[in-house]
Amino acid sequence: MAIYPDSIERLIRCLTKLPGIGRRSAERIVSYILHVQEEEVRLLVQTIEQVKKTIRLCRICRNFSDSDICTICQDQRRSNSLLCVVENPQDVIAIEKSGNFNGLYHVLGGAISPSENKEHKELEIGSLLARIKQGNIQEIILAMDADAEGEVTALYLTQLLKPTQIKLTRIGVGIPSGANLEYSDSSTIASALDGRRAIQ
């Protein structure tokens, strides 16, 4: 026998597809939606639709943006000689929260993952190489996650970028093995950036 009406059950199933939302959390969200004013629900739906329509990837770094070029790439105060390469836009947000980085970013759009059949060709590596050819970059920080996919990606990029003679560094100690950068706290990320090591 069904516990919930079909429409509620469908909404619960939809919500459980979101990252980090299990069934119990989905049930709580549905309960909240059912108890708030209709105007609040309408505003939530409109905001989700607006984000989906207006947010795109920055033409330069591939970070989230509501314009062709994101605010970080537009910021003239940032050092254009220092480039931090990350897996996804959430990593940019995590590093920015640390307040310990004043360079630019390049978002790969994932990591090399043999288990998910994700190859280097699917990542934003071509656009990374194009940026490097512009000649301003003096150091590239590889800030991939400390898991198997992140290490494989960092190794691939190291081999690819070695001939450029640009200084290559890897974020240092502090990020636990197997951890995702986006879930690390600000002080841990700040320490990892300060302790970055040169790649030989």
Foldseek 3Di string as FASTA:
>chain_A
DDPDPPVLVVQLVVVCVDPPDDSVNSNVVSVVCVPDDPVVVVVVVVVVVCCVPQWFAAPQAGATDSDNHHPLVVDPQAQAQEEEEEAYNLLVVQQVQLVQHRHYYHHFPHFDDVVVPDHSVSTPVVSVVVSVVVPRYQEYEYEYALEPRSVVRLVVVCVVCVVVVHWYWYFAPQRDHPHGSSPGHSVSSNNRNVGIDTDD
